[in-house]
Amino acid sequence: MPTSSPDVVVIGAGIIGGSIAWRLAQSGLRVTMVDAGPMGGEASWAGAGMLAPGGEMETRDIWSDLGVQSLALYPAFVDELEHLSGTSIDFQQRGAAEIVFSEQDWPAVERRAAAQRTMGIPSVPLAISKLRGRVAGLAGEPAGVLFYPQDALVDPRDVTRALKIACTAAGVEIREGWRVRSVQAQADSMVISNGQETIAAGAAVVAAGAWSGEIAVAGEHMPPSLPPTLPVRGHLIGYNLEAGSIPLIVRSGHTYLLQRRNGFTITGTSSETVGFERPVDSAICEEIARRAIALLPTLADAGPYISWNGFRPATPDMLPEIRRVPGTRLWLAYGHYRNGILLAPITSRIVSQEIISNSETARTLPSAHR
């Protein structure tokens, strides 16, 4: 027998699942959120929190459209979470400087920037003297610098901490250590099982990041399996620097530097398709450190760094799954790859509004929650 009967079960309690659960509960729905581990303990914990369409999007596609929309939502998203949770979130919208060291590469960067401006991603050239005035000790003689004024950063650990408080206050039941094994569509409910217990709900959302594709599905109109997920491991390292010493995001090629308000400075990153292999690879971290020191030589004297990794939730076609499974009451919200933190506000808006307005789901809900 089912152990509870909420209106919606959200599978996965990272920044995506937590944001969806919060928005659904705000609408008056009874929500249970389950996760195999602690809330925000996987990709949301590991991410640097760079909210940077300027550094990620090169052509107009679903990524750029969602990224621009979601970045515009972020200030209000953070303000609301801070107010409701009573906690502070490290959110900084101070822009990003992209440094190009090769004269040969500069024309291509300018062409990319021109294309980005048509997508709503503004940038302007920046004199290297002005950048050096803000970030002391930068290396070399750049061929050019582009400044992206809208790029931002956020501490995702702050966000998930605030989401847990906000979700609890809104009435979300949070079950940590509850790994979903299967989802079955029945006549009037979705039945979610961890192999020992079941939960029946009017609708379900799969937002389990890189583990989403492993969940078995069955029932009328359900596909043979969920769209697969591909874990892409990424390493990051961090230094304790003087607060305010890097007041904006600094990027060059695949290397970036961003600084929390307390001075903790993160640099990365790497990409490895190695399954769910968790050990930190010291050689990869040393390579990241070498690249970062080449960009900012003073890091060589910053003392030992801290290293960690996480699993980005990719899909084989490298596109996000943000949609309803046709003919069912199951929604997908995964495959965000490098942009899960950036896309949390827009993903939660899309999925929660569809569930709230969906007539089939509404008919299964108690009248008090319609």
Protein backbone atom coordinates (compact mmCIF):
# COMPACT_ATOMS: atom_id res chain seq x y z
CA MET A 1 0.00 0.00 0.00
CA PRO A 2 1.24 3.54 -0.67
CA THR A 3 2.76 5.22 2.39
CA SER A 4 1.39 8.65 1.42
CA SER A 5 -0.67 10.34 -1.29
CA PRO A 6 0.61 13.82 -2.19
CA ASP A 7 -0.52 15.72 -5.24
CA VAL A 8 2.98 15.66 -6.76
CA VAL A 9 6.17 13.73 -6.08
CA VAL A 10 9.41 15.41 -7.13
CA ILE A 11 12.23 12.91 -7.62
CA GLY A 12 15.54 14.62 -6.93
CA ALA A 13 16.29 17.35 -4.39
CA GLY A 14 19.00 19.34 -6.11
CA ILE A 15 18.57 22.93 -7.18
CA ILE A 16 16.22 21.92 -10.04
CA GLY A 17 14.02 19.57 -8.02
CA GLY A 18 14.03 21.87 -5.00
CA SER A 19 12.97 24.86 -7.08
CA ILE A 20 10.14 22.89 -8.70
CA ALA A 21 8.91 21.53 -5.37
CA TRP A 22 8.96 25.02 -3.85
CA ARG A 23 6.96 26.56 -6.70
CA LEU A 24 4.41 23.74 -6.66
CA ALA A 25 3.93 24.02 -2.91
CA GLN A 26 3.52 27.78 -3.19
CA SER A 27 0.52 27.14 -5.46
CA GLY A 28 -1.17 25.09 -2.75
CA LEU A 29 -0.32 21.59 -3.95
CA ARG A 30 0.76 18.89 -1.51
CA VAL A 31 4.31 17.96 -2.53
CA THR A 32 6.69 15.21 -1.48
CA MET A 33 10.32 15.50 -2.61
CA VAL A 34 12.59 12.47 -2.43
CA ASP A 35 16.30 12.04 -2.97
CA ALA A 36 18.79 9.20 -2.68
CA GLY A 37 21.06 11.43 -0.60
CA PRO A 38 20.89 14.72 1.27
CA MET A 39 19.16 17.65 -0.39
CA GLY A 40 21.55 19.45 -2.74
CA GLY A 41 24.28 16.89 -2.15
CA GLU A 42 25.40 16.12 -5.71
CA ALA A 43 25.83 18.42 -8.74
CA SER A 44 24.28 21.36 -6.89
CA TRP A 45 26.87 21.00 -4.13
CA ALA A 46 29.77 20.62 -6.57
CA GLY A 47 28.95 23.40 -9.06
CA ALA A 48 30.89 26.64 -9.16
CA GLY A 49 27.70 28.63 -9.77
CA MET A 50 28.72 30.61 -12.83
CA LEU A 51 25.57 32.12 -14.38
CA ALA A 52 27.15 33.01 -17.67
CA PRO A 53 25.35 32.75 -20.99
CA GLY A 54 28.24 34.80 -22.37
CA GLY A 55 30.69 32.02 -21.62
CA GLU A 56 28.46 29.11 -22.56
CA MET A 57 26.21 29.99 -25.51
CA GLU A 58 27.65 30.39 -29.00
CA THR A 59 24.62 29.85 -31.24
CA ARG A 60 20.92 30.43 -30.79
CA ASP A 61 19.27 27.25 -29.56
CA ILE A 62 17.31 25.99 -26.58
CA TRP A 63 20.31 26.58 -24.31
CA SER A 64 20.67 30.25 -25.23
CA ASP A 65 16.93 30.95 -25.13
CA LEU A 66 16.48 29.34 -21.72
CA GLY A 67 19.74 30.74 -20.39
CA VAL A 68 18.89 34.35 -21.20
CA GLN A 69 15.38 34.00 -19.77
CA SER A 70 16.58 32.30 -16.61
CA LEU A 71 19.36 34.80 -15.92
CA ALA A 72 16.78 37.59 -16.12
CA LEU A 73 14.73 35.78 -13.45
CA TYR A 74 17.66 35.26 -11.07
CA PRO A 75 17.68 38.52 -9.07
CA ALA A 76 14.01 38.19 -8.10
CA PHE A 77 14.45 34.43 -7.54
CA VAL A 78 17.26 35.08 -5.06
CA ASP A 79 15.48 37.99 -3.36
CA GLU A 80 12.39 35.88 -2.77
CA LEU A 81 14.38 32.94 -1.44
CA GLU A 82 16.37 35.15 0.91
CA HIS A 83 13.20 36.77 2.23
CA LEU A 84 11.32 33.51 2.79
CA SER A 85 14.25 31.54 4.19
CA GLY A 86 15.81 34.29 6.30
CA THR A 87 19.23 33.37 4.92
CA SER A 88 21.79 35.18 2.79
CA ILE A 89 22.64 33.96 -0.72
CA ASP A 90 25.92 34.93 -2.34
CA PHE A 91 24.66 36.28 -5.66
CA GLN A 92 26.82 38.72 -7.61
CA GLN A 93 25.97 40.19 -11.00
CA ARG A 94 29.21 42.02 -11.71
CA GLY A 95 29.90 40.70 -15.17
CA ALA A 96 32.64 38.61 -16.73
CA ALA A 97 35.82 39.45 -18.61
CA GLU A 98 36.84 37.06 -21.37
CA ILE A 99 40.53 37.38 -22.17
CA VAL A 100 41.91 36.41 -25.58
CA PHE A 101 45.69 36.07 -25.82
CA SER A 102 46.06 35.21 -29.51
CA GLU A 103 45.66 37.82 -32.25
CA GLN A 104 44.55 35.01 -34.54
CA ASP A 105 41.69 34.07 -32.19
CA TRP A 106 40.34 37.59 -31.70
CA PRO A 107 38.32 37.87 -34.96
CA ALA A 108 36.46 34.64 -34.18
CA VAL A 109 35.68 35.89 -30.68
CA GLU A 110 34.31 39.13 -32.13
CA ARG A 111 32.10 37.19 -34.55
CA ARG A 112 30.80 35.04 -31.72
CA ALA A 113 30.07 38.13 -29.62
CA ALA A 114 28.16 39.71 -32.51
CA ALA A 115 26.03 36.58 -32.81
CA GLN A 116 25.46 36.52 -29.05
CA ARG A 117 24.18 40.10 -29.08
CA THR A 118 21.37 39.03 -31.41
CA MET A 119 20.42 36.43 -28.76
CA GLY A 120 20.20 39.00 -25.98
CA ILE A 121 23.69 38.43 -24.59
CA PRO A 122 25.44 41.83 -24.61
CA SER A 123 29.19 42.38 -24.53
CA VAL A 124 31.60 45.24 -25.12
CA PRO A 125 35.37 45.44 -25.61
CA LEU A 126 37.27 46.28 -22.44
CA ALA A 127 40.68 47.92 -22.21
CA ILE A 128 43.20 45.63 -20.55
CA SER A 129 44.30 48.54 -18.36
CA LYS A 130 40.80 48.72 -16.88
CA LEU A 131 40.78 44.99 -16.24
CA ARG A 132 44.20 45.13 -14.59
CA GLY A 133 42.90 47.95 -12.44
CA ARG A 134 40.25 45.60 -11.08
CA VAL A 135 42.21 42.31 -10.99
CA ALA A 136 45.85 42.74 -10.05
CA GLY A 137 48.49 40.35 -11.34
CA LEU A 138 46.94 39.11 -14.57
CA ALA A 139 49.45 37.51 -16.89
CA GLY A 140 50.67 38.33 -20.37
CA GLU A 141 49.60 40.83 -22.99
CA PRO A 142 46.10 39.98 -24.21
CA ALA A 143 45.07 40.51 -27.80
CA GLY A 144 41.71 41.68 -26.51
CA VAL A 145 39.15 41.51 -23.71
CA LEU A 146 35.37 41.26 -23.96
CA PHE A 147 33.22 42.29 -21.01
CA TYR A 148 29.85 40.60 -20.48
CA PRO A 149 27.96 42.90 -18.08
CA GLN A 150 25.06 40.56 -17.35
CA ASP A 151 27.05 37.45 -16.44
CA ALA A 152 26.76 36.59 -12.76
CA LEU A 153 27.64 34.02 -10.12
CA VAL A 154 25.81 32.42 -7.22
CA ASP A 155 26.81 30.02 -4.49
CA PRO A 156 24.60 26.99 -5.22
CA ARG A 157 25.09 25.68 -1.69
CA ASP A 158 23.48 28.86 -0.39
CA VAL A 159 20.60 28.37 -2.83
CA THR A 160 19.90 24.75 -1.89
CA ARG A 161 20.17 25.62 1.81
CA ALA A 162 17.60 28.38 1.33
CA LEU A 163 15.40 26.11 -0.80
CA LYS A 164 15.28 23.50 1.95
CA ILE A 165 14.04 26.10 4.42
CA ALA A 166 11.56 27.58 1.93
CA CYS A 167 10.25 24.17 0.88
CA THR A 168 9.74 23.10 4.49
CA ALA A 169 7.95 26.35 5.29
CA ALA A 170 5.67 25.83 2.25
CA GLY A 171 4.74 22.35 3.45
CA VAL A 172 6.94 20.18 1.21
CA GLU A 173 7.65 16.78 2.73
CA ILE A 174 11.35 16.10 2.13
CA ARG A 175 12.55 12.49 2.24
CA GLU A 176 16.31 12.18 2.08
CA GLY A 177 17.94 8.78 1.63
CA TRP A 178 14.95 7.62 -0.44
CA ARG A 179 16.29 6.31 -3.78
CA VAL A 180 13.59 5.88 -6.40
CA ARG A 181 13.79 2.61 -8.29
CA SER A 182 10.65 2.78 -10.42
CA VAL A 183 7.75 4.96 -11.53
CA GLN A 184 4.52 3.30 -12.68
CA ALA A 185 1.54 4.98 -14.31
CA GLN A 186 -1.77 3.66 -13.00
CA ALA A 187 -5.32 4.65 -13.90
CA ASP A 188 -5.52 7.64 -11.60
CA SER A 189 -2.06 8.03 -10.11
CA MET A 190 1.69 7.78 -10.50
CA VAL A 191 3.21 5.22 -8.15
CA ILE A 192 6.79 5.84 -7.09
CA SER A 193 8.75 3.04 -5.41
CA ASN A 194 12.11 2.70 -3.70
CA GLY A 195 11.78 -1.09 -3.68
CA GLN A 196 10.34 -1.20 -0.16
CA GLU A 197 7.88 1.69 0.06
CA THR A 198 5.58 3.32 -2.49
CA ILE A 199 4.10 6.78 -2.84
CA ALA A 200 1.03 7.42 -5.00
CA ALA A 201 0.57 10.90 -6.43
CA GLY A 202 -1.43 12.73 -9.05
CA ALA A 203 1.76 13.66 -10.90
CA ALA A 204 5.50 13.08 -10.70
CA VAL A 205 8.61 14.96 -11.79
CA VAL A 206 11.95 13.30 -12.51
CA ALA A 207 14.70 15.75 -11.59
CA ALA A 208 17.36 13.35 -10.38
CA GLY A 209 20.22 14.81 -12.40
CA ALA A 210 22.71 12.33 -13.81
CA TRP A 211 20.80 9.44 -12.21
CA SER A 212 17.46 10.24 -13.87
CA GLY A 213 17.83 7.83 -16.77
CA GLU A 214 18.35 4.89 -14.41
CA ILE A 215 14.79 5.04 -13.05
CA ALA A 216 12.59 2.22 -14.42
CA VAL A 217 9.19 3.21 -15.83
CA ALA A 218 6.07 1.20 -16.64
CA GLY A 219 2.38 1.61 -17.29
CA GLU A 220 0.02 2.85 -19.97
CA HIS A 221 1.54 5.39 -22.38
CA MET A 222 4.90 5.19 -20.58
CA PRO A 223 7.96 4.75 -22.82
CA PRO A 224 10.08 1.60 -22.52
CA SER A 225 12.59 3.68 -20.58
CA LEU A 226 13.33 7.29 -19.76
CA PRO A 227 15.66 9.26 -22.03
CA PRO A 228 19.14 8.18 -20.91
CA THR A 229 21.53 10.29 -18.89
CA LEU A 230 25.27 10.51 -19.16
CA PRO A 231 27.27 11.57 -16.09
CA VAL A 232 30.11 13.90 -17.07
CA ARG A 233 32.54 14.30 -14.21
CA GLY A 234 34.08 17.71 -13.67
CA HIS A 235 36.87 18.73 -11.31
CA LEU A 236 37.25 22.10 -9.62
CA ILE A 237 39.79 23.58 -7.23
CA GLY A 238 39.54 26.46 -4.80
CA TYR A 239 41.91 28.94 -3.14
CA ASN A 240 41.42 31.13 -0.10
CA LEU A 241 42.25 34.65 -1.30
CA GLU A 242 41.59 38.13 -0.03
CA ALA A 243 37.92 39.01 -0.37
CA GLY A 244 37.29 41.40 -3.26
CA SER A 245 40.57 40.64 -5.03
CA ILE A 246 38.72 39.22 -8.06
CA PRO A 247 35.49 41.27 -8.25
CA LEU A 248 34.25 39.78 -11.53
CA ILE A 249 34.41 36.49 -13.39
CA VAL A 250 37.63 36.10 -15.39
CA ARG A 251 37.73 33.63 -18.29
CA SER A 252 40.24 32.54 -20.89
CA GLY A 253 39.50 29.55 -23.09
CA HIS A 254 38.34 26.70 -20.84
CA THR A 255 39.73 28.27 -17.67
CA TYR A 256 37.80 30.56 -15.37
CA LEU A 257 38.19 32.26 -12.01
CA LEU A 258 35.30 33.36 -9.83
CA GLN A 259 35.34 34.54 -6.24
CA ARG A 260 32.82 34.18 -3.46
CA ARG A 261 32.16 37.19 -1.24
CA ASN A 262 34.34 35.65 1.48
CA GLY A 263 37.34 35.43 -0.87
CA PHE A 264 37.11 31.72 -1.67
CA THR A 265 38.12 31.57 -5.32
CA ILE A 266 37.10 28.72 -7.61
CA THR A 267 38.82 27.76 -10.84
CA GLY A 268 38.06 25.01 -13.28
CA THR A 269 37.23 22.92 -14.96
CA SER A 270 37.53 19.50 -16.59
CA SER A 271 35.25 17.02 -18.35
CA GLU A 272 35.62 13.26 -18.08
CA THR A 273 33.19 10.57 -19.24
CA VAL A 274 34.09 7.92 -16.67
CA GLY A 275 30.70 6.90 -15.32
CA PHE A 276 30.13 7.53 -11.63
CA GLU A 277 33.82 7.29 -10.66
CA ARG A 278 34.10 9.56 -7.63
CA PRO A 279 37.80 9.68 -6.72
CA VAL A 280 39.42 13.06 -7.24
CA ASP A 281 42.16 12.80 -9.87
CA SER A 282 45.17 14.73 -8.60
CA ALA A 283 46.71 14.96 -12.08
CA ILE A 284 43.59 16.67 -13.43
CA CYS A 285 43.59 19.09 -10.50
CA GLU A 286 47.25 19.91 -11.09
CA GLU A 287 46.46 20.69 -14.73
CA ILE A 288 43.63 23.02 -13.69
CA ALA A 289 46.01 24.72 -11.25
CA ARG A 290 48.63 25.10 -13.97
CA ARG A 291 46.11 26.78 -16.29
CA ALA A 292 44.85 29.05 -13.54
CA ILE A 293 48.37 30.12 -12.54
CA ALA A 294 49.15 30.86 -16.19
CA LEU A 295 46.20 33.27 -16.11
CA LEU A 296 46.86 34.70 -12.63
CA PRO A 297 50.48 33.96 -11.55
CA THR A 298 49.90 35.15 -7.98
CA LEU A 299 47.94 31.94 -7.38
CA ALA A 300 51.28 30.13 -7.19
CA ASP A 301 51.80 31.80 -3.80
CA ALA A 302 48.22 31.30 -2.57
CA GLY A 303 48.97 28.12 -0.67
CA PRO A 304 47.47 24.67 -1.16
CA TYR A 305 44.19 24.43 -2.99
CA ILE A 306 41.05 22.48 -2.15
CA SER A 307 39.82 20.04 -4.81
CA TRP A 308 36.54 18.26 -5.50
CA ASN A 309 34.40 16.97 -8.36
CA GLY A 310 30.82 16.34 -9.35
CA PHE A 311 28.69 14.76 -12.06
CA ARG A 312 27.08 17.00 -14.65
CA PRO A 313 23.80 15.51 -15.92
CA ALA A 314 24.13 15.28 -19.69
CA THR A 315 22.05 13.42 -22.27
CA PRO A 316 23.40 11.67 -25.38
CA ASP A 317 22.20 14.49 -27.66
CA MET A 318 23.40 17.13 -25.16
CA LEU A 319 19.93 18.68 -24.95
CA PRO A 320 17.87 19.15 -21.77
CA GLU A 321 14.74 17.14 -21.05
CA ILE A 322 12.23 19.70 -19.77
CA ARG A 323 8.83 18.36 -20.79
CA ARG A 324 5.87 16.16 -20.05
CA VAL A 325 5.97 12.55 -21.20
CA PRO A 326 3.04 12.49 -23.70
CA GLY A 327 -0.13 10.88 -22.44
CA THR A 328 1.12 10.62 -18.86
CA ARG A 329 1.29 12.63 -15.65
CA LEU A 330 5.08 12.37 -15.60
CA TRP A 331 7.30 15.41 -16.20
CA LEU A 332 11.03 15.38 -16.93
CA ALA A 333 13.41 18.05 -15.69
CA TYR A 334 16.96 16.86 -16.23
CA GLY A 335 19.85 16.87 -18.68
CA HIS A 336 20.91 20.43 -17.89
CA TYR A 337 24.61 19.50 -18.25
CA ARG A 338 26.71 22.57 -17.36
CA ASN A 339 23.72 24.86 -16.81
CA GLY A 340 21.59 23.35 -14.07
CA ILE A 341 22.23 26.15 -11.61
CA LEU A 342 21.64 28.81 -14.27
CA LEU A 343 18.41 27.20 -15.50
CA ALA A 344 16.78 26.51 -12.13
CA PRO A 345 14.43 29.54 -12.19
CA ILE A 346 13.16 28.97 -15.74
CA THR A 347 12.91 25.18 -15.40
CA SER A 348 10.89 25.46 -12.21
CA ARG A 349 8.60 28.03 -13.83
CA ILE A 350 7.98 25.88 -16.93
CA VAL A 351 7.39 22.60 -15.11
CA SER A 352 5.39 23.95 -12.18
CA GLN A 353 3.10 26.05 -14.38
CA GLU A 354 2.42 23.09 -16.67
CA ILE A 355 1.55 20.84 -13.75
CA ILE A 356 -0.63 23.46 -12.07
CA SER A 357 -2.54 24.22 -15.26
CA ASN A 358 -2.76 20.70 -16.63
CA SER A 359 -6.40 19.65 -16.68
CA GLU A 360 -5.72 15.92 -16.36
CA THR A 361 -3.66 16.46 -13.26
CA ALA A 362 -6.15 18.93 -11.82
CA ARG A 363 -8.97 16.41 -12.01
CA THR A 364 -7.06 14.06 -9.69
CA LEU A 365 -6.42 16.68 -7.02
CA PRO A 366 -8.65 17.35 -4.00
CA SER A 367 -10.89 20.35 -4.54
CA ALA A 368 -9.02 22.34 -1.89
CA HIS A 369 -5.90 22.15 -4.00
CA ARG A 370 -7.37 22.93 -7.42
